[in-house]
Amino acid sequence: MVRLRFPILVLVLFCSFVLLTSFSVQAEEPKGPQAQLKVSIEHFLDVLNDPELKKPGQEEVRRQKVIKIAFSQFDMPRMAMLCLGRGWKKLSPEERVEFTELFKKLLTKSYISLIDNYSGEKVVFTREEVKGRKAEVRSKVVSSNRETPIFYKLKREPDGRWLIYDVIIENVSLVRNYRSQFAPLMRKKGYAGLREQMLKKIKENKAEEDKKNG
């Protein structure tokens, strides 16, 4: 039976994503993609370092706050479309919405793991390249014993926000990585088969989390 694989790459990815949060669309002037991400780090750290959210019994509140503000940085429909590749055209509008939500739930599992295990990783930005409405921001995640290069692909929205639609970690694309998992399932079993496997994995993740919190 074909099974979805969720490699360490995704966990490494969220070591960097976990430092991102939304920026106010009411800012005095639009920010470039790199400036937006820098501001986001400060906002996120406010949540992580909030004394009230560190108290016993506040773990779930802390998680949900971080997940909510972090996903506001992602262009989830575009990421879902790119991850599914040619298979996206075969989906109905309703299936596209469903697939996007399932994809988000799978990523949430990785997010929760890193929120719980965050140990002070830092992000250093090294380069910004903007071409029209698209941009690439290069950075590296720095821990006590390693530096991991992270490149963000972003697209500017009509309201001025820059949303992430792909991340390249050590020359490996998140979108291409997931596409390599989803495409074979789509070819062999269609969307119904892919949906079944995603739901199964989500159910396993929930059972694992319930057992951990049990």
N, C-alpha and C. Protein backbone atom coordinates (compact mmCIF):
# COMPACT_ATOMS: atom_id res chain seq x y z
N MET A 1 0.84 -1.19 0.00
CA MET A 1 0.00 0.00 0.00
C MET A 1 0.88 1.25 0.00
N VAL A 2 0.53 2.19 -0.85
CA VAL A 2 1.29 3.43 -0.92
C VAL A 2 0.98 4.28 0.31
N ARG A 3 2.00 4.79 0.95
CA ARG A 3 1.80 5.62 2.14
C ARG A 3 2.47 6.97 1.95
N LEU A 4 1.85 8.00 2.54
CA LEU A 4 2.46 9.33 2.48
C LEU A 4 3.67 9.36 3.39
N ARG A 5 4.71 10.01 2.93
CA ARG A 5 5.93 10.14 3.72
C ARG A 5 6.08 11.59 4.17
N PHE A 6 6.46 11.79 5.41
CA PHE A 6 6.67 13.13 5.94
C PHE A 6 8.06 13.19 6.55
N PRO A 7 9.07 13.46 5.72
CA PRO A 7 10.47 13.37 6.14
C PRO A 7 10.90 14.50 7.06
N ILE A 8 12.11 14.34 7.56
CA ILE A 8 12.70 15.33 8.46
C ILE A 8 12.73 16.71 7.82
N LEU A 9 12.76 16.76 6.49
CA LEU A 9 12.79 18.03 5.78
C LEU A 9 11.69 18.96 6.28
N VAL A 10 10.49 18.42 6.49
CA VAL A 10 9.38 19.25 6.91
C VAL A 10 9.64 19.83 8.30
N LEU A 11 10.23 19.04 9.19
CA LEU A 11 10.52 19.54 10.52
C LEU A 11 11.57 20.64 10.48
N VAL A 12 12.57 20.44 9.63
CA VAL A 12 13.59 21.49 9.48
C VAL A 12 12.94 22.76 8.94
N LEU A 13 12.04 22.59 8.00
CA LEU A 13 11.35 23.72 7.42
C LEU A 13 10.67 24.55 8.48
N PHE A 14 9.97 23.91 9.39
CA PHE A 14 9.22 24.67 10.36
C PHE A 14 10.08 25.26 11.46
N CYS A 15 11.33 24.84 11.56
CA CYS A 15 12.25 25.55 12.45
C CYS A 15 12.37 27.00 12.01
N SER A 16 12.23 27.23 10.72
CA SER A 16 12.27 28.60 10.22
C SER A 16 10.88 29.22 10.19
N PHE A 17 9.86 28.44 9.76
CA PHE A 17 8.51 28.97 9.69
C PHE A 17 7.99 29.39 11.04
N VAL A 18 8.41 28.69 12.09
CA VAL A 18 7.90 28.97 13.40
C VAL A 18 8.29 30.35 13.88
N LEU A 19 9.21 31.01 13.20
CA LEU A 19 9.61 32.36 13.56
C LEU A 19 8.83 33.42 12.80
N LEU A 20 7.79 33.01 12.06
CA LEU A 20 7.04 33.96 11.24
C LEU A 20 5.65 34.19 11.79
N THR A 21 5.15 35.40 11.64
CA THR A 21 3.78 35.73 12.00
C THR A 21 3.29 36.83 11.10
N SER A 22 2.07 37.22 11.24
CA SER A 22 1.51 38.22 10.33
C SER A 22 1.98 39.62 10.69
N PHE A 23 1.92 40.53 9.70
CA PHE A 23 2.19 41.92 9.98
C PHE A 23 0.93 42.70 9.73
N SER A 24 0.81 43.85 10.35
CA SER A 24 -0.41 44.64 10.24
C SER A 24 -0.57 45.23 8.86
N VAL A 25 -1.74 45.02 8.26
CA VAL A 25 -1.99 45.59 6.94
C VAL A 25 -2.28 47.08 7.06
N GLN A 26 -2.31 47.59 8.30
CA GLN A 26 -2.56 49.00 8.52
C GLN A 26 -1.26 49.77 8.75
N ALA A 27 -0.14 49.16 8.42
CA ALA A 27 1.14 49.84 8.58
C ALA A 27 1.15 51.12 7.75
N GLU A 28 1.98 52.06 8.14
CA GLU A 28 2.00 53.35 7.47
C GLU A 28 2.39 53.22 6.01
N GLU A 29 3.27 52.29 5.68
CA GLU A 29 3.66 52.10 4.30
C GLU A 29 3.97 50.63 4.06
N PRO A 30 3.76 50.13 2.85
CA PRO A 30 4.02 48.72 2.57
C PRO A 30 5.48 48.35 2.82
N LYS A 31 5.69 47.18 3.37
CA LYS A 31 7.04 46.70 3.63
C LYS A 31 7.45 45.72 2.54
N GLY A 32 8.77 45.70 2.24
CA GLY A 32 9.29 44.71 1.32
C GLY A 32 9.24 43.35 1.99
N PRO A 33 9.44 42.27 1.23
CA PRO A 33 9.33 40.92 1.80
C PRO A 33 10.30 40.66 2.95
N GLN A 34 11.55 41.08 2.81
CA GLN A 34 12.52 40.82 3.88
C GLN A 34 12.18 41.62 5.13
N ALA A 35 11.81 42.88 4.95
CA ALA A 35 11.44 43.70 6.09
C ALA A 35 10.21 43.14 6.80
N GLN A 36 9.27 42.62 6.02
CA GLN A 36 8.08 42.02 6.61
C GLN A 36 8.45 40.84 7.50
N LEU A 37 9.34 39.99 7.01
CA LEU A 37 9.73 38.82 7.79
C LEU A 37 10.48 39.20 9.05
N LYS A 38 11.29 40.24 8.98
CA LYS A 38 12.03 40.69 10.16
C LYS A 38 11.08 41.18 11.24
N VAL A 39 10.08 41.95 10.84
CA VAL A 39 9.08 42.42 11.80
C VAL A 39 8.32 41.25 12.39
N SER A 40 8.07 40.25 11.55
CA SER A 40 7.32 39.08 11.98
C SER A 40 8.02 38.33 13.11
N ILE A 41 9.33 38.26 13.07
CA ILE A 41 10.08 37.57 14.11
C ILE A 41 9.80 38.21 15.47
N GLU A 42 9.81 39.54 15.52
CA GLU A 42 9.56 40.23 16.78
C GLU A 42 8.17 39.92 17.30
N HIS A 43 7.18 39.91 16.42
CA HIS A 43 5.81 39.62 16.83
C HIS A 43 5.69 38.19 17.37
N PHE A 44 6.34 37.28 16.69
CA PHE A 44 6.25 35.89 17.12
C PHE A 44 6.89 35.69 18.49
N LEU A 45 8.05 36.30 18.69
CA LEU A 45 8.74 36.15 19.97
C LEU A 45 7.91 36.70 21.12
N ASP A 46 7.09 37.72 20.83
CA ASP A 46 6.20 38.24 21.87
C ASP A 46 5.27 37.16 22.37
N VAL A 47 4.79 36.31 21.44
CA VAL A 47 3.90 35.22 21.82
C VAL A 47 4.68 34.15 22.59
N LEU A 48 5.84 33.76 22.07
CA LEU A 48 6.62 32.71 22.72
C LEU A 48 7.06 33.10 24.12
N ASN A 49 7.35 34.37 24.32
CA ASN A 49 7.90 34.83 25.60
C ASN A 49 6.84 35.40 26.54
N ASP A 50 5.58 35.31 26.15
CA ASP A 50 4.50 35.80 27.00
C ASP A 50 4.44 34.96 28.28
N PRO A 51 4.68 35.55 29.45
CA PRO A 51 4.68 34.79 30.71
C PRO A 51 3.36 34.06 30.95
N GLU A 52 2.25 34.67 30.57
CA GLU A 52 0.95 34.04 30.80
C GLU A 52 0.80 32.76 29.99
N LEU A 53 1.36 32.75 28.77
CA LEU A 53 1.23 31.58 27.91
C LEU A 53 2.22 30.48 28.26
N LYS A 54 3.14 30.77 29.17
CA LYS A 54 4.09 29.75 29.64
C LYS A 54 3.58 29.00 30.87
N LYS A 55 2.48 29.47 31.42
CA LYS A 55 1.95 28.85 32.62
C LYS A 55 1.34 27.49 32.32
N PRO A 56 1.31 26.59 33.31
CA PRO A 56 0.70 25.27 33.11
C PRO A 56 -0.75 25.41 32.65
N GLY A 57 -1.13 24.56 31.72
CA GLY A 57 -2.49 24.59 31.22
C GLY A 57 -2.71 25.52 30.05
N GLN A 58 -1.67 26.28 29.67
CA GLN A 58 -1.79 27.23 28.57
C GLN A 58 -1.14 26.74 27.28
N GLU A 59 -0.70 25.47 27.28
CA GLU A 59 0.02 24.95 26.11
C GLU A 59 -0.82 25.03 24.83
N GLU A 60 -2.08 24.61 24.92
CA GLU A 60 -2.92 24.58 23.73
C GLU A 60 -3.24 25.99 23.24
N VAL A 61 -3.46 26.91 24.17
CA VAL A 61 -3.71 28.30 23.79
C VAL A 61 -2.49 28.87 23.07
N ARG A 62 -1.32 28.58 23.60
CA ARG A 62 -0.06 29.05 23.01
C ARG A 62 0.10 28.48 21.60
N ARG A 63 -0.17 27.20 21.45
CA ARG A 63 -0.04 26.55 20.14
C ARG A 63 -0.98 27.20 19.12
N GLN A 64 -2.23 27.36 19.51
CA GLN A 64 -3.21 27.87 18.57
C GLN A 64 -2.93 29.31 18.16
N LYS A 65 -2.41 30.11 19.08
CA LYS A 65 -2.04 31.48 18.74
C LYS A 65 -0.94 31.49 17.69
N VAL A 66 0.08 30.66 17.89
CA VAL A 66 1.20 30.62 16.97
C VAL A 66 0.76 30.06 15.61
N ILE A 67 -0.02 29.00 15.62
CA ILE A 67 -0.48 28.41 14.36
C ILE A 67 -1.31 29.40 13.56
N LYS A 68 -2.19 30.11 14.24
CA LYS A 68 -3.06 31.05 13.55
C LYS A 68 -2.28 32.16 12.88
N ILE A 69 -1.36 32.77 13.62
CA ILE A 69 -0.62 33.89 13.05
C ILE A 69 0.40 33.43 12.02
N ALA A 70 0.92 32.23 12.18
CA ALA A 70 1.91 31.74 11.24
C ALA A 70 1.30 31.43 9.89
N PHE A 71 0.17 30.75 9.89
CA PHE A 71 -0.44 30.38 8.62
C PHE A 71 -0.94 31.59 7.84
N SER A 72 -1.07 32.73 8.50
CA SER A 72 -1.47 33.93 7.77
C SER A 72 -0.36 34.39 6.83
N GLN A 73 0.85 33.83 6.98
CA GLN A 73 1.96 34.17 6.10
C GLN A 73 2.00 33.31 4.84
N PHE A 74 1.23 32.23 4.82
CA PHE A 74 1.30 31.29 3.70
C PHE A 74 0.16 31.52 2.72
N ASP A 75 0.47 31.43 1.46
CA ASP A 75 -0.56 31.42 0.42
C ASP A 75 -0.96 29.96 0.25
N MET A 76 -1.83 29.47 1.14
CA MET A 76 -2.15 28.05 1.18
C MET A 76 -2.79 27.53 -0.11
N PRO A 77 -3.74 28.25 -0.71
CA PRO A 77 -4.31 27.74 -1.97
C PRO A 77 -3.26 27.58 -3.06
N ARG A 78 -2.35 28.55 -3.16
CA ARG A 78 -1.30 28.46 -4.18
C ARG A 78 -0.34 27.32 -3.87
N MET A 79 0.03 27.16 -2.59
CA MET A 79 0.92 26.07 -2.21
C MET A 79 0.27 24.72 -2.51
N ALA A 80 -1.02 24.60 -2.20
CA ALA A 80 -1.73 23.35 -2.45
C ALA A 80 -1.76 23.04 -3.94
N MET A 81 -2.03 24.06 -4.75
CA MET A 81 -2.08 23.88 -6.20
C MET A 81 -0.73 23.43 -6.74
N LEU A 82 0.34 24.07 -6.28
CA LEU A 82 1.67 23.72 -6.76
C LEU A 82 2.08 22.33 -6.29
N CYS A 83 1.68 21.96 -5.07
CA CYS A 83 2.03 20.63 -4.55
C CYS A 83 1.31 19.52 -5.30
N LEU A 84 0.12 19.81 -5.80
CA LEU A 84 -0.62 18.79 -6.53
C LEU A 84 -0.26 18.76 -8.00
N GLY A 85 0.32 19.85 -8.52
CA GLY A 85 0.76 19.87 -9.92
C GLY A 85 -0.40 19.72 -10.89
N ARG A 86 -0.21 18.88 -11.91
CA ARG A 86 -1.23 18.69 -12.93
C ARG A 86 -2.54 18.14 -12.38
N GLY A 87 -2.44 17.45 -11.27
CA GLY A 87 -3.64 16.87 -10.67
C GLY A 87 -4.63 17.91 -10.20
N TRP A 88 -4.15 19.14 -9.98
CA TRP A 88 -5.03 20.22 -9.50
C TRP A 88 -6.17 20.47 -10.49
N LYS A 89 -5.88 20.40 -11.78
CA LYS A 89 -6.89 20.68 -12.80
C LYS A 89 -8.00 19.65 -12.80
N LYS A 90 -7.74 18.48 -12.25
CA LYS A 90 -8.73 17.42 -12.25
C LYS A 90 -9.73 17.56 -11.09
N LEU A 91 -9.46 18.46 -10.16
CA LEU A 91 -10.32 18.60 -9.00
C LEU A 91 -11.45 19.60 -9.25
N SER A 92 -12.57 19.34 -8.65
CA SER A 92 -13.68 20.30 -8.68
C SER A 92 -13.36 21.44 -7.71
N PRO A 93 -14.07 22.56 -7.80
CA PRO A 93 -13.84 23.65 -6.85
C PRO A 93 -13.96 23.20 -5.39
N GLU A 94 -14.92 22.34 -5.11
CA GLU A 94 -15.11 21.84 -3.75
C GLU A 94 -13.93 20.96 -3.32
N GLU A 95 -13.44 20.15 -4.22
CA GLU A 95 -12.30 19.28 -3.91
C GLU A 95 -11.04 20.10 -3.69
N ARG A 96 -10.89 21.19 -4.42
CA ARG A 96 -9.72 22.04 -4.23
C ARG A 96 -9.71 22.65 -2.83
N VAL A 97 -10.87 23.09 -2.39
CA VAL A 97 -10.98 23.66 -1.04
C VAL A 97 -10.67 22.58 0.00
N GLU A 98 -11.22 21.38 -0.20
CA GLU A 98 -10.99 20.29 0.73
C GLU A 98 -9.52 19.89 0.78
N PHE A 99 -8.89 19.76 -0.38
CA PHE A 99 -7.49 19.36 -0.43
C PHE A 99 -6.61 20.39 0.27
N THR A 100 -6.91 21.67 0.07
CA THR A 100 -6.13 22.74 0.71
C THR A 100 -6.21 22.63 2.23
N GLU A 101 -7.41 22.34 2.75
CA GLU A 101 -7.58 22.21 4.19
C GLU A 101 -6.87 20.98 4.73
N LEU A 102 -6.92 19.87 3.99
CA LEU A 102 -6.23 18.66 4.42
C LEU A 102 -4.72 18.88 4.44
N PHE A 103 -4.23 19.55 3.43
CA PHE A 103 -2.80 19.86 3.35
C PHE A 103 -2.37 20.73 4.53
N LYS A 104 -3.20 21.70 4.88
CA LYS A 104 -2.91 22.57 6.01
C LYS A 104 -2.86 21.78 7.31
N LYS A 105 -3.77 20.82 7.47
CA LYS A 105 -3.79 20.01 8.69
C LYS A 105 -2.53 19.16 8.81
N LEU A 106 -2.04 18.67 7.69
CA LEU A 106 -0.81 17.89 7.73
C LEU A 106 0.37 18.76 8.16
N LEU A 107 0.43 19.98 7.66
CA LEU A 107 1.51 20.87 8.04
C LEU A 107 1.39 21.29 9.50
N THR A 108 0.17 21.39 9.99
CA THR A 108 -0.05 21.79 11.38
C THR A 108 0.62 20.82 12.35
N LYS A 109 0.62 19.54 12.04
CA LYS A 109 1.25 18.55 12.90
C LYS A 109 2.73 18.86 13.09
N SER A 110 3.40 19.19 11.99
CA SER A 110 4.82 19.53 12.09
C SER A 110 5.00 20.81 12.89
N TYR A 111 4.08 21.74 12.72
CA TYR A 111 4.13 23.00 13.45
C TYR A 111 4.07 22.78 14.95
N ILE A 112 3.10 21.97 15.38
CA ILE A 112 2.93 21.72 16.81
C ILE A 112 4.19 21.11 17.41
N SER A 113 4.81 20.20 16.69
CA SER A 113 6.03 19.56 17.20
C SER A 113 7.13 20.58 17.45
N LEU A 114 7.27 21.53 16.54
CA LEU A 114 8.35 22.50 16.70
C LEU A 114 8.03 23.59 17.70
N ILE A 115 6.75 23.92 17.85
CA ILE A 115 6.38 24.88 18.89
C ILE A 115 6.76 24.33 20.25
N ASP A 116 6.45 23.05 20.46
CA ASP A 116 6.74 22.42 21.74
C ASP A 116 8.23 22.26 21.99
N ASN A 117 9.02 22.19 20.91
CA ASN A 117 10.46 21.93 21.07
C ASN A 117 11.34 23.11 20.68
N TYR A 118 10.74 24.27 20.54
CA TYR A 118 11.52 25.46 20.16
C TYR A 118 12.61 25.71 21.21
N SER A 119 13.84 25.90 20.75
CA SER A 119 14.96 26.07 21.68
C SER A 119 15.84 27.25 21.32
N GLY A 120 15.23 28.30 20.80
CA GLY A 120 15.98 29.53 20.59
C GLY A 120 16.69 29.67 19.27
N GLU A 121 16.29 28.91 18.24
CA GLU A 121 16.90 29.08 16.92
C GLU A 121 16.72 30.52 16.43
N LYS A 122 17.70 31.02 15.72
CA LYS A 122 17.66 32.38 15.19
C LYS A 122 17.65 32.36 13.66
N VAL A 123 17.11 33.43 13.08
CA VAL A 123 17.10 33.58 11.63
C VAL A 123 17.94 34.79 11.25
N VAL A 124 18.86 34.57 10.32
CA VAL A 124 19.70 35.66 9.79
C VAL A 124 19.38 35.81 8.31
N PHE A 125 18.94 37.00 7.91
CA PHE A 125 18.63 37.24 6.50
C PHE A 125 19.88 37.67 5.76
N THR A 126 20.06 37.12 4.56
CA THR A 126 21.29 37.37 3.81
C THR A 126 21.07 38.07 2.47
N ARG A 127 19.87 37.96 1.89
CA ARG A 127 19.67 38.56 0.57
C ARG A 127 18.19 38.66 0.24
N GLU A 128 17.84 39.71 -0.50
CA GLU A 128 16.48 39.89 -0.98
C GLU A 128 16.52 40.23 -2.47
N GLU A 129 15.68 39.54 -3.25
CA GLU A 129 15.61 39.82 -4.68
C GLU A 129 14.14 39.92 -5.07
N VAL A 130 13.75 41.09 -5.58
CA VAL A 130 12.36 41.33 -5.95
C VAL A 130 12.26 41.54 -7.45
N LYS A 131 11.35 40.80 -8.09
CA LYS A 131 11.09 40.95 -9.51
C LYS A 131 9.58 41.09 -9.70
N GLY A 132 9.13 42.32 -9.82
CA GLY A 132 7.70 42.55 -9.97
C GLY A 132 6.95 42.15 -8.72
N ARG A 133 5.98 41.25 -8.89
CA ARG A 133 5.15 40.82 -7.76
C ARG A 133 5.71 39.58 -7.07
N LYS A 134 6.86 39.08 -7.53
CA LYS A 134 7.46 37.92 -6.91
C LYS A 134 8.81 38.29 -6.27
N ALA A 135 9.18 37.52 -5.27
CA ALA A 135 10.43 37.81 -4.58
C ALA A 135 11.02 36.53 -4.00
N GLU A 136 12.33 36.59 -3.77
CA GLU A 136 13.02 35.52 -3.05
C GLU A 136 13.80 36.16 -1.92
N VAL A 137 13.59 35.66 -0.72
CA VAL A 137 14.34 36.13 0.44
C VAL A 137 15.20 34.98 0.94
N ARG A 138 16.49 35.22 1.02
CA ARG A 138 17.42 34.18 1.48
C ARG A 138 17.79 34.42 2.94
N SER A 139 17.88 33.33 3.67
CA SER A 139 18.21 33.42 5.09
C SER A 139 18.90 32.14 5.52
N LYS A 140 19.27 32.10 6.77
CA LYS A 140 19.80 30.88 7.36
C LYS A 140 19.30 30.77 8.79
N VAL A 141 18.94 29.56 9.17
CA VAL A 141 18.50 29.29 10.53
C VAL A 141 19.73 28.84 11.32
N VAL A 142 20.00 29.54 12.41
CA VAL A 142 21.22 29.31 13.18
C VAL A 142 20.87 28.71 14.53
N SER A 143 21.40 27.52 14.78
CA SER A 143 21.27 26.89 16.10
C SER A 143 22.65 26.84 16.73
N SER A 144 22.79 26.17 17.84
CA SER A 144 24.07 26.15 18.55
C SER A 144 25.16 25.43 17.77
N ASN A 145 24.77 24.50 16.89
CA ASN A 145 25.79 23.70 16.20
C ASN A 145 25.59 23.58 14.70
N ARG A 146 24.66 24.39 14.13
CA ARG A 146 24.42 24.25 12.70
C ARG A 146 23.80 25.50 12.10
N GLU A 147 24.09 25.71 10.82
CA GLU A 147 23.44 26.76 10.05
C GLU A 147 22.76 26.12 8.85
N THR A 148 21.46 26.36 8.69
CA THR A 148 20.69 25.76 7.61
C THR A 148 20.18 26.85 6.67
N PRO A 149 20.60 26.84 5.39
CA PRO A 149 20.12 27.87 4.45
C PRO A 149 18.66 27.65 4.09
N ILE A 150 17.88 28.73 4.16
CA ILE A 150 16.46 28.70 3.85
C ILE A 150 16.15 29.81 2.86
N PHE A 151 15.55 29.48 1.71
CA PHE A 151 15.13 30.47 0.73
C PHE A 151 13.61 30.49 0.68
N TYR A 152 13.03 31.67 0.78
CA TYR A 152 11.58 31.83 0.73
C TYR A 152 11.15 32.37 -0.63
N LYS A 153 10.14 31.77 -1.22
CA LYS A 153 9.52 32.28 -2.43
C LYS A 153 8.22 32.97 -2.03
N LEU A 154 8.06 34.23 -2.42
CA LEU A 154 6.89 34.99 -2.01
C LEU A 154 6.24 35.69 -3.20
N LYS A 155 4.96 35.99 -3.04
CA LYS A 155 4.23 36.75 -4.06
C LYS A 155 3.44 37.85 -3.36
N ARG A 156 3.46 39.03 -3.97
CA ARG A 156 2.78 40.18 -3.36
C ARG A 156 1.30 40.18 -3.69
N GLU A 157 0.48 40.34 -2.67
CA GLU A 157 -0.96 40.41 -2.83
C GLU A 157 -1.40 41.83 -3.18
N PRO A 158 -2.62 42.02 -3.69
CA PRO A 158 -3.10 43.37 -4.02
C PRO A 158 -3.07 44.34 -2.84
N ASP A 159 -3.22 43.81 -1.60
CA ASP A 159 -3.20 44.69 -0.44
C ASP A 159 -1.79 45.00 0.04
N GLY A 160 -0.78 44.51 -0.67
CA GLY A 160 0.61 44.83 -0.32
C GLY A 160 1.33 43.76 0.48
N ARG A 161 0.60 42.77 1.00
CA ARG A 161 1.25 41.71 1.78
C ARG A 161 2.07 40.81 0.87
N TRP A 162 3.14 40.26 1.42
CA TRP A 162 3.94 39.25 0.73
C TRP A 162 3.64 37.90 1.38
N LEU A 163 3.15 36.95 0.59
CA LEU A 163 2.81 35.63 1.12
C LEU A 163 3.75 34.57 0.56
N ILE A 164 4.12 33.64 1.42
CA ILE A 164 5.04 32.56 1.05
C ILE A 164 4.28 31.47 0.30
N TYR A 165 4.85 31.03 -0.84
CA TYR A 165 4.24 29.92 -1.57
C TYR A 165 5.21 28.76 -1.78
N ASP A 166 6.46 28.92 -1.38
CA ASP A 166 7.40 27.79 -1.42
C ASP A 166 8.60 28.15 -0.57
N VAL A 167 9.28 27.13 -0.08
CA VAL A 167 10.50 27.29 0.70
C VAL A 167 11.50 26.26 0.23
N ILE A 168 12.73 26.71 0.03
CA ILE A 168 13.80 25.81 -0.40
C ILE A 168 14.80 25.67 0.74
N ILE A 169 14.98 24.46 1.20
CA ILE A 169 15.89 24.18 2.31
C ILE A 169 17.04 23.33 1.79
N GLU A 170 18.23 23.89 1.83
CA GLU A 170 19.42 23.17 1.32
C GLU A 170 19.14 22.61 -0.07
N ASN A 171 18.59 23.48 -0.93
CA ASN A 171 18.31 23.16 -2.34
C ASN A 171 17.17 22.17 -2.53
N VAL A 172 16.38 21.92 -1.51
CA VAL A 172 15.22 21.04 -1.63
C VAL A 172 13.95 21.86 -1.43
N SER A 173 13.06 21.83 -2.43
CA SER A 173 11.83 22.61 -2.41
C SER A 173 10.72 21.89 -1.66
N LEU A 174 10.04 22.61 -0.77
CA LEU A 174 8.90 22.04 -0.06
C LEU A 174 7.83 21.59 -1.05
N VAL A 175 7.52 22.45 -2.03
CA VAL A 175 6.49 22.15 -3.01
C VAL A 175 6.85 20.90 -3.81
N ARG A 176 8.07 20.83 -4.32
CA ARG A 176 8.47 19.67 -5.10
C ARG A 176 8.52 18.41 -4.25
N ASN A 177 8.89 18.55 -3.00
CA ASN A 177 8.95 17.41 -2.10
C ASN A 177 7.57 16.79 -1.92
N TYR A 178 6.57 17.63 -1.66
CA TYR A 178 5.22 17.12 -1.50
C TYR A 178 4.64 16.63 -2.82
N ARG A 179 4.97 17.31 -3.91
CA ARG A 179 4.46 16.88 -5.21
C ARG A 179 4.95 15.46 -5.53
N SER A 180 6.18 15.15 -5.14
CA SER A 180 6.71 13.82 -5.39
C SER A 180 5.96 12.75 -4.60
N GLN A 181 5.29 13.15 -3.51
CA GLN A 181 4.49 12.22 -2.72
C GLN A 181 3.06 12.14 -3.23
N PHE A 182 2.49 13.29 -3.58
CA PHE A 182 1.09 13.33 -3.98
C PHE A 182 0.87 12.79 -5.40
N ALA A 183 1.79 13.10 -6.32
CA ALA A 183 1.60 12.74 -7.73
C ALA A 183 1.41 11.24 -7.96
N PRO A 184 2.24 10.37 -7.36
CA PRO A 184 2.04 8.93 -7.58
C PRO A 184 0.67 8.45 -7.10
N LEU A 185 0.21 8.99 -5.97
CA LEU A 185 -1.10 8.59 -5.47
C LEU A 185 -2.21 9.04 -6.40
N MET A 186 -2.08 10.24 -6.94
CA MET A 186 -3.09 10.76 -7.87
C MET A 186 -3.15 9.89 -9.12
N ARG A 187 -1.98 9.47 -9.61
CA ARG A 187 -1.94 8.66 -10.83
C ARG A 187 -2.54 7.27 -10.60
N LYS A 188 -2.23 6.68 -9.45
CA LYS A 188 -2.66 5.31 -9.20
C LYS A 188 -4.07 5.20 -8.65
N LYS A 189 -4.45 6.14 -7.78
CA LYS A 189 -5.74 6.00 -7.09
C LYS A 189 -6.66 7.21 -7.26
N GLY A 190 -6.20 8.23 -7.98
CA GLY A 190 -7.03 9.40 -8.15
C GLY A 190 -7.13 10.21 -6.87
N TYR A 191 -7.96 11.25 -6.90
CA TYR A 191 -8.08 12.10 -5.73
C TYR A 191 -8.67 11.35 -4.54
N ALA A 192 -9.59 10.43 -4.80
CA ALA A 192 -10.20 9.66 -3.71
C ALA A 192 -9.13 8.90 -2.91
N GLY A 193 -8.16 8.31 -3.63
CA GLY A 193 -7.10 7.59 -2.95
C GLY A 193 -6.17 8.50 -2.17
N LEU A 194 -5.84 9.63 -2.77
CA LEU A 194 -4.99 10.60 -2.08
C LEU A 194 -5.70 11.13 -0.84
N ARG A 195 -6.96 11.45 -0.99
CA ARG A 195 -7.76 11.96 0.13
C ARG A 195 -7.79 10.95 1.26
N GLU A 196 -7.97 9.68 0.93
CA GLU A 196 -8.02 8.62 1.94
C GLU A 196 -6.72 8.55 2.73
N GLN A 197 -5.60 8.62 2.03
CA GLN A 197 -4.30 8.55 2.69
C GLN A 197 -4.05 9.77 3.57
N MET A 198 -4.46 10.94 3.10
CA MET A 198 -4.28 12.16 3.89
C MET A 198 -5.12 12.12 5.16
N LEU A 199 -6.37 11.68 5.03
CA LEU A 199 -7.24 11.56 6.20
C LEU A 199 -6.69 10.55 7.20
N LYS A 200 -6.13 9.47 6.68
CA LYS A 200 -5.54 8.45 7.54
C LYS A 200 -4.37 9.02 8.33
N LYS A 201 -3.51 9.77 7.64
CA LYS A 201 -2.36 10.36 8.31
C LYS A 201 -2.78 11.39 9.34
N ILE A 202 -3.78 12.18 9.01
CA ILE A 202 -4.28 13.18 9.95
C ILE A 202 -4.85 12.51 11.19
N LYS A 203 -5.59 11.40 10.99
CA LYS A 203 -6.14 10.65 12.11
C LYS A 203 -5.04 10.08 12.99
N GLU A 204 -3.99 9.58 12.37
CA GLU A 204 -2.85 9.05 13.13
C GLU A 204 -2.18 10.15 13.94
N ASN A 205 -2.04 11.32 13.32
CA ASN A 205 -1.44 12.46 14.02
C ASN A 205 -2.25 12.86 15.24
N LYS A 206 -3.58 12.88 15.07
CA LYS A 206 -4.45 13.26 16.18
C LYS A 206 -4.36 12.25 17.32
N ALA A 207 -4.36 10.96 16.98
CA ALA A 207 -4.26 9.91 18.00
C ALA A 207 -2.94 10.03 18.75
N GLU A 208 -1.90 10.32 18.03
CA GLU A 208 -0.58 10.49 18.65
C GLU A 208 -0.57 11.68 19.60
N GLU A 209 -1.20 12.77 19.18
CA GLU A 209 -1.25 13.97 20.00
C GLU A 209 -2.11 13.75 21.23
N ASP A 210 -3.25 13.06 21.07
CA ASP A 210 -4.12 12.77 22.20
C ASP A 210 -3.40 11.89 23.22
N LYS A 211 -2.64 10.93 22.72
CA LYS A 211 -1.89 10.04 23.62
C LYS A 211 -0.84 10.82 24.38
N LYS A 212 -0.19 11.75 23.70
CA LYS A 212 0.84 12.56 24.33
C LYS A 212 0.26 13.44 25.43
N ASN A 213 -0.95 13.97 25.17
CA ASN A 213 -1.57 14.87 26.14
C ASN A 213 -2.42 14.13 27.17
N GLY A 214 -2.55 12.79 26.92
CA GLY A 214 -3.40 11.95 27.72
C GLY A 214 -3.23 11.94 29.17
